[in-house]
Amino acid sequence: MPIYCVQTDQKKIALTFDAAWGNEDTADLLSILARNQVHATFFLTGSWVDAYPDDVKAIAAAGHDIGNHSQTHPEMSTLSKEQIRDELMQVHKNVKELTGQNMCFFRPPYGDYNNLLIQTATECGYLSIQWDIDSLDWKDYGVQSIIDRTALNPELSNGSIILMHNGAKYTKDALETVISTLQSKGYEFVTLSELVYKDHFHMDPSGKQIPD
């Protein structure tokens, strides 16, 4: 099972961005994160990495985590083991060449997965990551909708993983308020590397990662 959230007594949450198309807002997002001293995790597709290598380097240089979002963004539950491995390792290789980083987190495109996908990702050295707080920013409902679904979401708690998108229309306009609202509630934004347990853990049926 992929990780949807993490059990922790600390008020830590992870902000994550999926990047599969467009880079018009990347600089603005990075600027907002830097201004607020927030580090996030960016899940990149291989096609995005190929198209915007300078942005990949900028994300890494700013201290953000980079995660694997597949090479071509397919429905990976329909793929063979060999195809899954190719989707993971092609972008892995390219990110390593650009940044020197070995990615260790994988987010399935569309949140679509099966046992074979998760098992193969694990064999490739990846922890599979979903989310428990969905901004639905890609639906273009507007700034307030993003704020309501993230910073004001009653389901958000210690260890939550927030899903946003690098290329959504209103995300950059909502981000500052989301950050400041959650910080005012005492939450600390951390990367997945700082939040997720790498070993000695088990999962509950809801997808919460629990330390052993």
C-alpha atoms as a PDB file:
ATOM      1  CA  MET A   1       0.000   0.000   0.000  1.00  0.00           C
ATOM      2  CA  PRO A   2       1.275   3.505  -0.736  1.00  0.00           C
ATOM      3  CA  ILE A   3       1.702   6.052   2.063  1.00  0.00           C
ATOM      4  CA  TYR A   4      -1.172   8.528   2.382  1.00  0.00           C
ATOM      5  CA  CYS A   5      -0.096  10.165   5.653  1.00  0.00           C
ATOM      6  CA  VAL A   6       2.267   9.585   8.565  1.00  0.00           C
ATOM      7  CA  GLN A   7       1.621   9.042  12.253  1.00  0.00           C
ATOM      8  CA  THR A   8       3.589  11.572  14.285  1.00  0.00           C
ATOM      9  CA  ASP A   9       3.153  13.518  17.514  1.00  0.00           C
ATOM     10  CA  GLN A  10       4.863  16.517  15.930  1.00  0.00           C
ATOM     11  CA  LYS A  11       2.920  19.157  14.016  1.00  0.00           C
ATOM     12  CA  LYS A  12       4.695  18.404  10.767  1.00  0.00           C
ATOM     13  CA  ILE A  13       3.059  18.280   7.351  1.00  0.00           C
ATOM     14  CA  ALA A  14       4.396  17.843   3.823  1.00  0.00           C
ATOM     15  CA  LEU A  15       3.515  20.058   0.880  1.00  0.00           C
ATOM     16  CA  THR A  16       3.867  18.258  -2.446  1.00  0.00           C
ATOM     17  CA  PHE A  17       3.571  19.433  -6.047  1.00  0.00           C
ATOM     18  CA  ASP A  18       3.076  17.218  -9.092  1.00  0.00           C
ATOM     19  CA  ALA A  19       4.696  18.590 -12.242  1.00  0.00           C
ATOM     20  CA  ALA A  20       3.650  17.004 -15.502  1.00  0.00           C
ATOM     21  CA  TRP A  21       2.948  20.007 -17.723  1.00  0.00           C
ATOM     22  CA  GLY A  22       3.953  23.661 -17.983  1.00  0.00           C
ATOM     23  CA  ASN A  23       6.530  25.666 -16.054  1.00  0.00           C
ATOM     24  CA  GLU A  24       5.001  29.145 -16.200  1.00  0.00           C
ATOM     25  CA  ASP A  25       4.483  29.287 -12.431  1.00  0.00           C
ATOM     26  CA  THR A  26       7.553  27.373 -11.254  1.00  0.00           C
ATOM     27  CA  ALA A  27       9.656  30.458 -10.481  1.00  0.00           C
ATOM     28  CA  ASP A  28       6.756  32.073  -8.593  1.00  0.00           C
ATOM     29  CA  LEU A  29       6.143  28.934  -6.536  1.00  0.00           C
ATOM     30  CA  LEU A  30       9.816  28.635  -5.654  1.00  0.00           C
ATOM     31  CA  SER A  31       9.916  32.319  -4.708  1.00  0.00           C
ATOM     32  CA  ILE A  32       6.896  31.987  -2.398  1.00  0.00           C
ATOM     33  CA  LEU A  33       8.346  28.889  -0.760  1.00  0.00           C
ATOM     34  CA  ALA A  34      11.709  30.595  -0.255  1.00  0.00           C
ATOM     35  CA  ARG A  35      10.138  33.756   1.155  1.00  0.00           C
ATOM     36  CA  ASN A  36       8.271  31.672   3.718  1.00  0.00           C
ATOM     37  CA  GLN A  37      11.242  29.383   4.422  1.00  0.00           C
ATOM     38  CA  VAL A  38       9.244  26.331   3.366  1.00  0.00           C
ATOM     39  CA  HIS A  39      10.697  23.244   1.737  1.00  0.00           C
ATOM     40  CA  ALA A  40       8.388  21.030  -0.305  1.00  0.00           C
ATOM     41  CA  THR A  41       8.540  17.906  -2.468  1.00  0.00           C
ATOM     42  CA  PHE A  42       8.146  18.109  -6.259  1.00  0.00           C
ATOM     43  CA  PHE A  43       7.100  14.963  -8.133  1.00  0.00           C
ATOM     44  CA  LEU A  44       8.367  15.302 -11.702  1.00  0.00           C
ATOM     45  CA  THR A  45       7.548  13.384 -14.853  1.00  0.00           C
ATOM     46  CA  GLY A  46      10.356  12.529 -17.214  1.00  0.00           C
ATOM     47  CA  SER A  47       8.833  14.635 -19.975  1.00  0.00           C
ATOM     48  CA  TRP A  48       8.809  17.641 -17.606  1.00  0.00           C
ATOM     49  CA  VAL A  49      12.426  16.971 -16.637  1.00  0.00           C
ATOM     50  CA  ASP A  50      13.385  16.777 -20.308  1.00  0.00           C
ATOM     51  CA  ALA A  51      11.550  20.012 -21.135  1.00  0.00           C
ATOM     52  CA  TYR A  52      12.684  22.105 -18.163  1.00  0.00           C
ATOM     53  CA  PRO A  53      16.100  20.949 -16.960  1.00  0.00           C
ATOM     54  CA  ASP A  54      16.975  24.360 -15.522  1.00  0.00           C
ATOM     55  CA  ASP A  55      13.855  24.250 -13.355  1.00  0.00           C
ATOM     56  CA  VAL A  56      14.798  20.789 -12.107  1.00  0.00           C
ATOM     57  CA  LYS A  57      18.185  22.159 -11.080  1.00  0.00           C
ATOM     58  CA  ALA A  58      16.541  25.183  -9.424  1.00  0.00           C
ATOM     59  CA  ILE A  59      14.189  22.973  -7.394  1.00  0.00           C
ATOM     60  CA  ALA A  60      17.102  20.881  -6.175  1.00  0.00           C
ATOM     61  CA  ALA A  61      19.319  23.899  -5.486  1.00  0.00           C
ATOM     62  CA  ALA A  62      16.577  25.438  -3.320  1.00  0.00           C
ATOM     63  CA  GLY A  63      16.643  22.396  -1.036  1.00  0.00           C
ATOM     64  CA  HIS A  64      13.378  20.801  -2.073  1.00  0.00           C
ATOM     65  CA  ASP A  65      12.892  17.063  -2.418  1.00  0.00           C
ATOM     66  CA  ILE A  66      12.439  15.703  -5.927  1.00  0.00           C
ATOM     67  CA  GLY A  67      10.219  12.673  -6.418  1.00  0.00           C
ATOM     68  CA  ASN A  68       9.503  10.369  -9.340  1.00  0.00           C
ATOM     69  CA  HIS A  69       6.155  10.800 -11.137  1.00  0.00           C
ATOM     70  CA  SER A  70       6.993   8.337 -13.993  1.00  0.00           C
ATOM     71  CA  GLN A  71       8.467   9.063 -17.397  1.00  0.00           C
ATOM     72  CA  THR A  72       5.283   9.485 -19.473  1.00  0.00           C
ATOM     73  CA  HIS A  73       2.444   9.716 -16.870  1.00  0.00           C
ATOM     74  CA  PRO A  74       0.571   6.546 -17.910  1.00  0.00           C
ATOM     75  CA  GLU A  75      -1.975   4.540 -15.958  1.00  0.00           C
ATOM     76  CA  MET A  76       0.678   2.332 -14.454  1.00  0.00           C
ATOM     77  CA  SER A  77      -1.651  -0.377 -13.159  1.00  0.00           C
ATOM     78  CA  THR A  78      -2.013  -1.425 -16.810  1.00  0.00           C
ATOM     79  CA  LEU A  79       1.721  -1.930 -17.341  1.00  0.00           C
ATOM     80  CA  SER A  80       3.944  -4.986 -17.110  1.00  0.00           C
ATOM     81  CA  LYS A  81       6.748  -5.212 -14.563  1.00  0.00           C
ATOM     82  CA  GLU A  82       9.318  -4.398 -17.218  1.00  0.00           C
ATOM     83  CA  GLN A  83       7.329  -1.369 -18.433  1.00  0.00           C
ATOM     84  CA  ILE A  84       6.943  -0.121 -14.856  1.00  0.00           C
ATOM     85  CA  ARG A  85      10.663  -0.419 -14.266  1.00  0.00           C
ATOM     86  CA  ASP A  86      11.373   1.514 -17.477  1.00  0.00           C
ATOM     87  CA  GLU A  87       8.941   4.285 -16.480  1.00  0.00           C
ATOM     88  CA  LEU A  88      10.650   4.634 -13.105  1.00  0.00           C
ATOM     89  CA  MET A  89      14.294   4.281 -14.017  1.00  0.00           C
ATOM     90  CA  GLN A  90      14.389   6.460 -17.121  1.00  0.00           C
ATOM     91  CA  VAL A  91      13.403   9.588 -15.196  1.00  0.00           C
ATOM     92  CA  HIS A  92      15.488   8.426 -12.226  1.00  0.00           C
ATOM     93  CA  LYS A  93      18.589   8.392 -14.414  1.00  0.00           C
ATOM     94  CA  ASN A  94      17.880  11.824 -15.904  1.00  0.00           C
ATOM     95  CA  VAL A  95      17.273  13.490 -12.539  1.00  0.00           C
ATOM     96  CA  LYS A  96      20.455  11.920 -11.164  1.00  0.00           C
ATOM     97  CA  GLU A  97      22.421  13.314 -14.090  1.00  0.00           C
ATOM     98  CA  LEU A  98      20.965  16.809 -13.633  1.00  0.00           C
ATOM     99  CA  THR A  99      21.063  17.110  -9.851  1.00  0.00           C
ATOM    100  CA  GLY A 100      23.206  14.318  -8.429  1.00  0.00           C
ATOM    101  CA  GLN A 101      20.190  13.169  -6.401  1.00  0.00           C
ATOM    102  CA  ASN A 102      18.902   9.605  -6.201  1.00  0.00           C
ATOM    103  CA  MET A 103      15.151   9.930  -5.926  1.00  0.00           C
ATOM    104  CA  CYS A 104      13.490   7.624  -3.390  1.00  0.00           C
ATOM    105  CA  PHE A 105       9.822   8.695  -3.466  1.00  0.00           C
ATOM    106  CA  PHE A 106       7.365   7.758  -6.212  1.00  0.00           C
ATOM    107  CA  ARG A 107       3.855   9.049  -6.803  1.00  0.00           C
ATOM    108  CA  PRO A 108       1.708   6.998  -9.202  1.00  0.00           C
ATOM    109  CA  PRO A 109       0.135   9.095 -11.969  1.00  0.00           C
ATOM    110  CA  TYR A 110      -3.575   9.696 -11.313  1.00  0.00           C
ATOM    111  CA  GLY A 111      -3.108   7.988  -7.933  1.00  0.00           C
ATOM    112  CA  ASP A 112      -3.655   4.760  -9.886  1.00  0.00           C
ATOM    113  CA  TYR A 113      -1.872   1.671  -8.588  1.00  0.00           C
ATOM    114  CA  ASN A 114      -2.004  -2.076  -8.047  1.00  0.00           C
ATOM    115  CA  ASN A 115       0.126  -4.532  -6.096  1.00  0.00           C
ATOM    116  CA  LEU A 116       2.536  -5.091  -8.980  1.00  0.00           C
ATOM    117  CA  LEU A 117       3.246  -1.369  -9.264  1.00  0.00           C
ATOM    118  CA  ILE A 118       3.937  -0.876  -5.558  1.00  0.00           C
ATOM    119  CA  GLN A 119       6.054  -4.036  -5.368  1.00  0.00           C
ATOM    120  CA  THR A 120       8.094  -3.080  -8.429  1.00  0.00           C
ATOM    121  CA  ALA A 121       8.608   0.470  -7.159  1.00  0.00           C
ATOM    122  CA  THR A 122       9.836  -0.962  -3.857  1.00  0.00           C
ATOM    123  CA  GLU A 123      12.269  -3.233  -5.706  1.00  0.00           C
ATOM    124  CA  CYS A 124      13.555  -0.126  -7.514  1.00  0.00           C
ATOM    125  CA  GLY A 125      14.264   1.549  -4.179  1.00  0.00           C
ATOM    126  CA  TYR A 126      11.138   3.680  -3.969  1.00  0.00           C
ATOM    127  CA  LEU A 127       8.571   4.376  -1.287  1.00  0.00           C
ATOM    128  CA  SER A 128       5.205   5.046  -2.979  1.00  0.00           C
ATOM    129  CA  ILE A 129       3.439   8.209  -1.843  1.00  0.00           C
ATOM    130  CA  GLN A 130      -0.172   9.324  -2.198  1.00  0.00           C
ATOM    131  CA  TRP A 131      -1.867  12.084  -0.161  1.00  0.00           C
ATOM    132  CA  ASP A 132      -4.604  12.599   2.402  1.00  0.00           C
ATOM    133  CA  ILE A 133      -5.292  16.291   1.639  1.00  0.00           C
ATOM    134  CA  ASP A 134      -6.194  17.070  -1.974  1.00  0.00           C
ATOM    135  CA  SER A 135      -6.324  20.717  -3.068  1.00  0.00           C
ATOM    136  CA  LEU A 136      -8.097  19.789  -6.326  1.00  0.00           C
ATOM    137  CA  ASP A 137      -6.262  22.822  -7.721  1.00  0.00           C
ATOM    138  CA  TRP A 138      -6.219  21.266 -11.202  1.00  0.00           C
ATOM    139  CA  LYS A 139      -9.996  21.659 -11.383  1.00  0.00           C
ATOM    140  CA  ASP A 140      -9.584  25.477 -11.433  1.00  0.00           C
ATOM    141  CA  TYR A 141     -12.268  26.122  -8.823  1.00  0.00           C
ATOM    142  CA  GLY A 142     -10.430  29.254  -7.686  1.00  0.00           C
ATOM    143  CA  VAL A 143      -8.119  30.514  -4.952  1.00  0.00           C
ATOM    144  CA  GLN A 144     -10.541  30.181  -2.053  1.00  0.00           C
ATOM    145  CA  SER A 145     -11.365  26.599  -2.951  1.00  0.00           C
ATOM    146  CA  ILE A 146      -7.677  25.664  -2.683  1.00  0.00           C
ATOM    147  CA  ILE A 147      -7.394  27.414   0.690  1.00  0.00           C
ATOM    148  CA  ASP A 148     -10.567  25.745   1.964  1.00  0.00           C
ATOM    149  CA  ARG A 149      -9.500  22.268   0.867  1.00  0.00           C
ATOM    150  CA  THR A 150      -6.017  22.554   2.367  1.00  0.00           C
ATOM    151  CA  ALA A 151      -5.424  25.092   5.126  1.00  0.00           C
ATOM    152  CA  LEU A 152      -9.022  24.987   6.392  1.00  0.00           C
ATOM    153  CA  ASN A 153      -9.623  21.274   5.863  1.00  0.00           C
ATOM    154  CA  PRO A 154     -10.812  19.660   9.120  1.00  0.00           C
ATOM    155  CA  GLU A 155      -9.186  16.381   8.035  1.00  0.00           C
ATOM    156  CA  LEU A 156      -5.695  17.895   8.041  1.00  0.00           C
ATOM    157  CA  SER A 157      -3.594  16.755  10.996  1.00  0.00           C
ATOM    158  CA  ASN A 158      -0.058  15.922  12.081  1.00  0.00           C
ATOM    159  CA  GLY A 159       1.654  13.960   9.312  1.00  0.00           C
ATOM    160  CA  SER A 160      -0.693  15.014   6.518  1.00  0.00           C
ATOM    161  CA  ILE A 161       0.536  15.049   2.923  1.00  0.00           C
ATOM    162  CA  ILE A 162      -0.948  17.842   0.794  1.00  0.00           C
ATOM    163  CA  LEU A 163      -1.327  17.450  -2.969  1.00  0.00           C
ATOM    164  CA  MET A 164      -0.955  20.466  -5.270  1.00  0.00           C
ATOM    165  CA  HIS A 165       0.132  20.859  -8.877  1.00  0.00           C
ATOM    166  CA  ASN A 166       2.904  22.927 -10.369  1.00  0.00           C
ATOM    167  CA  GLY A 167       0.861  23.834 -13.439  1.00  0.00           C
ATOM    168  CA  ALA A 168      -2.598  24.557 -12.001  1.00  0.00           C
ATOM    169  CA  LYS A 169      -4.169  27.961 -12.684  1.00  0.00           C
ATOM    170  CA  TYR A 170      -4.707  29.313  -9.163  1.00  0.00           C
ATOM    171  CA  THR A 171      -2.100  27.469  -7.091  1.00  0.00           C
ATOM    172  CA  LYS A 172       0.493  30.247  -6.951  1.00  0.00           C
ATOM    173  CA  ASP A 173      -2.196  32.750  -5.920  1.00  0.00           C
ATOM    174  CA  ALA A 174      -3.399  30.546  -3.051  1.00  0.00           C
ATOM    175  CA  LEU A 175      -0.040  29.260  -1.832  1.00  0.00           C
ATOM    176  CA  GLU A 176       1.002  32.175   0.374  1.00  0.00           C
ATOM    177  CA  THR A 177      -2.289  32.100   2.293  1.00  0.00           C
ATOM    178  CA  VAL A 178      -2.185  28.313   2.629  1.00  0.00           C
ATOM    179  CA  ILE A 179       1.297  28.509   4.114  1.00  0.00           C
ATOM    180  CA  SER A 180       0.637  31.408   6.460  1.00  0.00           C
ATOM    181  CA  THR A 181      -2.669  29.956   7.681  1.00  0.00           C
ATOM    182  CA  LEU A 182      -1.152  26.584   8.510  1.00  0.00           C
ATOM    183  CA  GLN A 183       1.928  28.137  10.079  1.00  0.00           C
ATOM    184  CA  SER A 184      -0.337  30.253  12.275  1.00  0.00           C
ATOM    185  CA  LYS A 185      -1.896  26.989  13.474  1.00  0.00           C
ATOM    186  CA  GLY A 186       1.535  25.777  14.536  1.00  0.00           C
ATOM    187  CA  TYR A 187       2.271  23.455  11.633  1.00  0.00           C
ATOM    188  CA  GLU A 188       5.787  23.073  10.263  1.00  0.00           C
ATOM    189  CA  PHE A 189       6.222  22.282   6.579  1.00  0.00           C
ATOM    190  CA  VAL A 190       8.822  19.588   5.931  1.00  0.00           C
ATOM    191  CA  THR A 191       9.977  17.560   2.962  1.00  0.00           C
ATOM    192  CA  LEU A 192       8.925  13.951   2.629  1.00  0.00           C
ATOM    193  CA  SER A 193      12.497  13.004   3.508  1.00  0.00           C
ATOM    194  CA  GLU A 194      11.916  14.646   6.893  1.00  0.00           C
ATOM    195  CA  LEU A 195       8.418  13.239   7.414  1.00  0.00           C
ATOM    196  CA  VAL A 196       8.327   9.673   6.111  1.00  0.00           C
ATOM    197  CA  TYR A 197       9.854   6.700   7.933  1.00  0.00           C
ATOM    198  CA  LYS A 198      12.305   4.866   5.670  1.00  0.00           C
ATOM    199  CA  ASP A 199      12.153   1.574   7.586  1.00  0.00           C
ATOM    200  CA  HIS A 200      10.760  -0.074  10.735  1.00  0.00           C
ATOM    201  CA  PHE A 201       7.167   0.886   9.987  1.00  0.00           C
ATOM    202  CA  HIS A 202       3.841  -0.695   9.144  1.00  0.00           C
ATOM    203  CA  MET A 203       0.687   0.560   7.429  1.00  0.00           C
ATOM    204  CA  ASP A 204      -2.848   0.722   8.722  1.00  0.00           C
ATOM    205  CA  PRO A 205      -5.822   0.074   6.376  1.00  0.00           C
ATOM    206  CA  SER A 206      -6.243   3.801   5.680  1.00  0.00           C
ATOM    207  CA  GLY A 207      -2.721   4.139   4.314  1.00  0.00           C
ATOM    208  CA  LYS A 208      -1.234   5.785   7.401  1.00  0.00           C
ATOM    209  CA  GLN A 209       2.428   4.984   7.959  1.00  0.00           C
ATOM    210  CA  ILE A 210       3.038   3.998  11.579  1.00  0.00           C
ATOM    211  CA  PRO A 211       6.486   3.531  13.153  1.00  0.00           C
ATOM    212  CA  ASP A 212       7.157   0.136  14.714  1.00  0.00           C
END
